Amino acid sequence: MCLSIPYKIQSIFQNKAIVIAPSVDEKNKTITTDLLPDLKIGDYVLVQNNMAIRLIPGKEALEIYKLINNS
């Protein structure tokens, strides 16, 4: 089973975005956004294989971070 971690969009350029997973992994990561072309800076997305696969509400992302940090 794979676990998707929410990442926050920091910047967008063409079909790529720079993202970060606050409080989980503080390193910036470059992902592709081909499946979600209408993303905006500040959005949270689930990422697998360096690809944004689903947009999620910020509240849900924060709940996931809390669960990860408490385990």
N, C-alpha and C. Protein backbone atom coordinates (compact mmCIF):
# COMPACT_ATOMS: atom_id res chain seq x y z
N MET A 1 0.84 -1.17 0.00
CA MET A 1 0.00 0.00 0.00
C MET A 1 0.89 1.24 0.00
N CYS A 2 0.57 2.18 -0.85
CA CYS A 2 1.31 3.44 -0.92
C CYS A 2 0.50 4.53 -0.23
N LEU A 3 1.22 5.43 0.39
CA LEU A 3 0.58 6.54 1.07
C LEU A 3 0.90 7.83 0.33
N SER A 4 -0.12 8.56 -0.04
CA SER A 4 0.10 9.86 -0.69
C SER A 4 0.20 10.93 0.38
N ILE A 5 1.21 11.76 0.27
CA ILE A 5 1.42 12.85 1.22
C ILE A 5 0.95 14.15 0.57
N PRO A 6 0.22 14.99 1.31
CA PRO A 6 -0.19 16.27 0.74
C PRO A 6 1.00 17.23 0.65
N TYR A 7 1.07 17.92 -0.45
CA TYR A 7 2.09 18.95 -0.66
C TYR A 7 1.39 20.26 -0.97
N LYS A 8 2.01 21.35 -0.56
CA LYS A 8 1.47 22.69 -0.81
C LYS A 8 2.21 23.29 -2.00
N ILE A 9 1.44 23.83 -2.96
CA ILE A 9 2.00 24.44 -4.15
C ILE A 9 2.69 25.76 -3.78
N GLN A 10 3.97 25.88 -4.11
CA GLN A 10 4.75 27.09 -3.84
C GLN A 10 4.86 27.97 -5.09
N SER A 11 5.04 27.34 -6.24
CA SER A 11 5.10 28.08 -7.51
C SER A 11 4.72 27.13 -8.64
N ILE A 12 4.28 27.72 -9.74
CA ILE A 12 3.82 26.95 -10.89
C ILE A 12 4.46 27.52 -12.15
N PHE A 13 4.92 26.64 -13.02
CA PHE A 13 5.44 27.07 -14.31
C PHE A 13 5.10 25.99 -15.33
N GLN A 14 4.33 26.37 -16.33
CA GLN A 14 3.82 25.46 -17.35
C GLN A 14 3.14 24.26 -16.70
N ASN A 15 3.62 23.04 -16.93
CA ASN A 15 2.97 21.86 -16.36
C ASN A 15 3.74 21.30 -15.16
N LYS A 16 4.50 22.15 -14.48
CA LYS A 16 5.28 21.73 -13.32
C LYS A 16 5.01 22.68 -12.15
N ALA A 17 5.26 22.19 -10.96
CA ALA A 17 5.09 23.01 -9.77
C ALA A 17 6.18 22.67 -8.76
N ILE A 18 6.56 23.67 -7.99
CA ILE A 18 7.44 23.47 -6.84
C ILE A 18 6.52 23.34 -5.63
N VAL A 19 6.71 22.27 -4.86
CA VAL A 19 5.84 22.00 -3.72
C VAL A 19 6.67 21.71 -2.48
N ILE A 20 6.01 21.77 -1.33
CA ILE A 20 6.64 21.43 -0.05
C ILE A 20 5.58 20.77 0.83
N ALA A 21 6.03 19.85 1.67
CA ALA A 21 5.14 19.22 2.66
C ALA A 21 5.50 19.79 4.02
N PRO A 22 4.87 20.89 4.42
CA PRO A 22 5.22 21.52 5.69
C PRO A 22 5.12 20.54 6.86
N SER A 23 6.08 20.59 7.72
CA SER A 23 6.18 19.78 8.95
C SER A 23 6.39 18.29 8.70
N VAL A 24 6.42 17.85 7.45
CA VAL A 24 6.69 16.44 7.15
C VAL A 24 8.04 16.33 6.46
N ASP A 25 8.20 17.06 5.38
CA ASP A 25 9.44 17.05 4.60
C ASP A 25 9.67 18.49 4.16
N GLU A 26 10.62 19.15 4.75
CA GLU A 26 10.82 20.59 4.50
C GLU A 26 11.58 20.89 3.21
N LYS A 27 11.85 19.86 2.40
CA LYS A 27 12.57 20.08 1.14
C LYS A 27 11.59 20.39 0.02
N ASN A 28 11.97 21.31 -0.85
CA ASN A 28 11.18 21.58 -2.04
C ASN A 28 11.30 20.41 -3.00
N LYS A 29 10.24 20.20 -3.76
CA LYS A 29 10.19 19.10 -4.71
C LYS A 29 9.51 19.61 -5.97
N THR A 30 9.96 19.15 -7.12
CA THR A 30 9.31 19.51 -8.38
C THR A 30 8.41 18.36 -8.81
N ILE A 31 7.16 18.70 -9.15
CA ILE A 31 6.20 17.69 -9.59
C ILE A 31 5.57 18.13 -10.91
N THR A 32 4.93 17.19 -11.58
CA THR A 32 4.17 17.54 -12.78
C THR A 32 2.70 17.75 -12.39
N THR A 33 2.04 18.61 -13.13
CA THR A 33 0.64 18.96 -12.83
C THR A 33 -0.29 18.64 -14.00
N ASP A 34 0.13 17.75 -14.88
CA ASP A 34 -0.66 17.44 -16.07
C ASP A 34 -2.09 17.00 -15.76
N LEU A 35 -2.30 16.27 -14.67
CA LEU A 35 -3.64 15.79 -14.34
C LEU A 35 -4.53 16.86 -13.72
N LEU A 36 -3.91 17.93 -13.20
CA LEU A 36 -4.65 19.00 -12.52
C LEU A 36 -4.19 20.35 -13.05
N PRO A 37 -4.60 20.72 -14.25
CA PRO A 37 -4.06 21.93 -14.89
C PRO A 37 -4.48 23.25 -14.26
N ASP A 38 -5.50 23.27 -13.41
CA ASP A 38 -6.01 24.53 -12.86
C ASP A 38 -5.54 24.82 -11.44
N LEU A 39 -4.41 24.27 -11.04
CA LEU A 39 -3.90 24.49 -9.69
C LEU A 39 -3.45 25.93 -9.50
N LYS A 40 -3.51 26.37 -8.23
CA LYS A 40 -3.07 27.73 -7.87
C LYS A 40 -2.05 27.63 -6.74
N ILE A 41 -1.22 28.66 -6.62
CA ILE A 41 -0.27 28.73 -5.52
C ILE A 41 -1.07 28.70 -4.21
N GLY A 42 -0.62 27.87 -3.27
CA GLY A 42 -1.31 27.72 -2.00
C GLY A 42 -2.22 26.50 -1.93
N ASP A 43 -2.56 25.91 -3.10
CA ASP A 43 -3.38 24.70 -3.11
C ASP A 43 -2.60 23.54 -2.50
N TYR A 44 -3.33 22.57 -1.95
CA TYR A 44 -2.73 21.33 -1.46
C TYR A 44 -3.11 20.21 -2.41
N VAL A 45 -2.13 19.36 -2.73
CA VAL A 45 -2.36 18.24 -3.63
C VAL A 45 -1.76 16.97 -3.05
N LEU A 46 -2.37 15.85 -3.40
CA LEU A 46 -1.77 14.56 -3.10
C LEU A 46 -0.82 14.24 -4.24
N VAL A 47 0.36 13.72 -3.90
CA VAL A 47 1.41 13.47 -4.89
C VAL A 47 1.83 12.02 -4.83
N GLN A 48 1.94 11.40 -6.00
CA GLN A 48 2.54 10.08 -6.13
C GLN A 48 3.39 10.07 -7.38
N ASN A 49 4.57 9.47 -7.28
CA ASN A 49 5.50 9.39 -8.41
C ASN A 49 5.77 10.76 -9.01
N ASN A 50 5.93 11.75 -8.15
CA ASN A 50 6.23 13.13 -8.56
C ASN A 50 5.16 13.74 -9.45
N MET A 51 3.91 13.29 -9.28
CA MET A 51 2.80 13.83 -10.05
C MET A 51 1.64 14.18 -9.11
N ALA A 52 1.08 15.38 -9.28
CA ALA A 52 -0.10 15.76 -8.52
C ALA A 52 -1.27 14.91 -9.02
N ILE A 53 -1.91 14.19 -8.09
CA ILE A 53 -3.00 13.30 -8.51
C ILE A 53 -4.37 13.74 -8.03
N ARG A 54 -4.40 14.60 -6.98
CA ARG A 54 -5.71 15.05 -6.49
C ARG A 54 -5.55 16.32 -5.68
N LEU A 55 -6.42 17.27 -5.92
CA LEU A 55 -6.51 18.50 -5.13
C LEU A 55 -7.30 18.18 -3.86
N ILE A 56 -6.78 18.63 -2.70
CA ILE A 56 -7.52 18.40 -1.46
C ILE A 56 -7.66 19.71 -0.69
N PRO A 57 -8.69 19.81 0.15
CA PRO A 57 -8.86 21.02 0.96
C PRO A 57 -7.71 21.17 1.95
N GLY A 58 -7.35 22.41 2.24
CA GLY A 58 -6.28 22.69 3.19
C GLY A 58 -6.52 22.06 4.55
N LYS A 59 -7.76 22.07 5.00
CA LYS A 59 -8.10 21.49 6.31
C LYS A 59 -7.77 19.99 6.33
N GLU A 60 -8.07 19.30 5.25
CA GLU A 60 -7.77 17.87 5.16
C GLU A 60 -6.25 17.63 5.17
N ALA A 61 -5.51 18.47 4.45
CA ALA A 61 -4.05 18.35 4.42
C ALA A 61 -3.48 18.52 5.82
N LEU A 62 -3.96 19.51 6.55
CA LEU A 62 -3.47 19.76 7.91
C LEU A 62 -3.80 18.60 8.85
N GLU A 63 -4.95 17.97 8.66
CA GLU A 63 -5.31 16.80 9.47
C GLU A 63 -4.37 15.64 9.18
N ILE A 64 -4.02 15.45 7.91
CA ILE A 64 -3.10 14.38 7.53
C ILE A 64 -1.72 14.64 8.13
N TYR A 65 -1.24 15.88 8.06
CA TYR A 65 0.06 16.21 8.67
C TYR A 65 0.05 15.90 10.16
N LYS A 66 -1.06 16.23 10.82
CA LYS A 66 -1.17 15.98 12.26
C LYS A 66 -1.08 14.48 12.55
N LEU A 67 -1.77 13.67 11.75
CA LEU A 67 -1.73 12.22 11.93
C LEU A 67 -0.32 11.67 11.70
N ILE A 68 0.35 12.16 10.66
CA ILE A 68 1.71 11.70 10.36
C ILE A 68 2.66 12.05 11.49
N ASN A 69 2.56 13.26 11.99
CA ASN A 69 3.47 13.71 13.04
C ASN A 69 3.21 13.05 14.39
N ASN A 70 2.00 12.53 14.59
CA ASN A 70 1.67 11.87 15.86
C ASN A 70 1.95 10.37 15.83
N SER A 71 2.35 9.84 14.69
CA SER A 71 2.59 8.39 14.61
C SER A 71 4.04 8.05 14.83
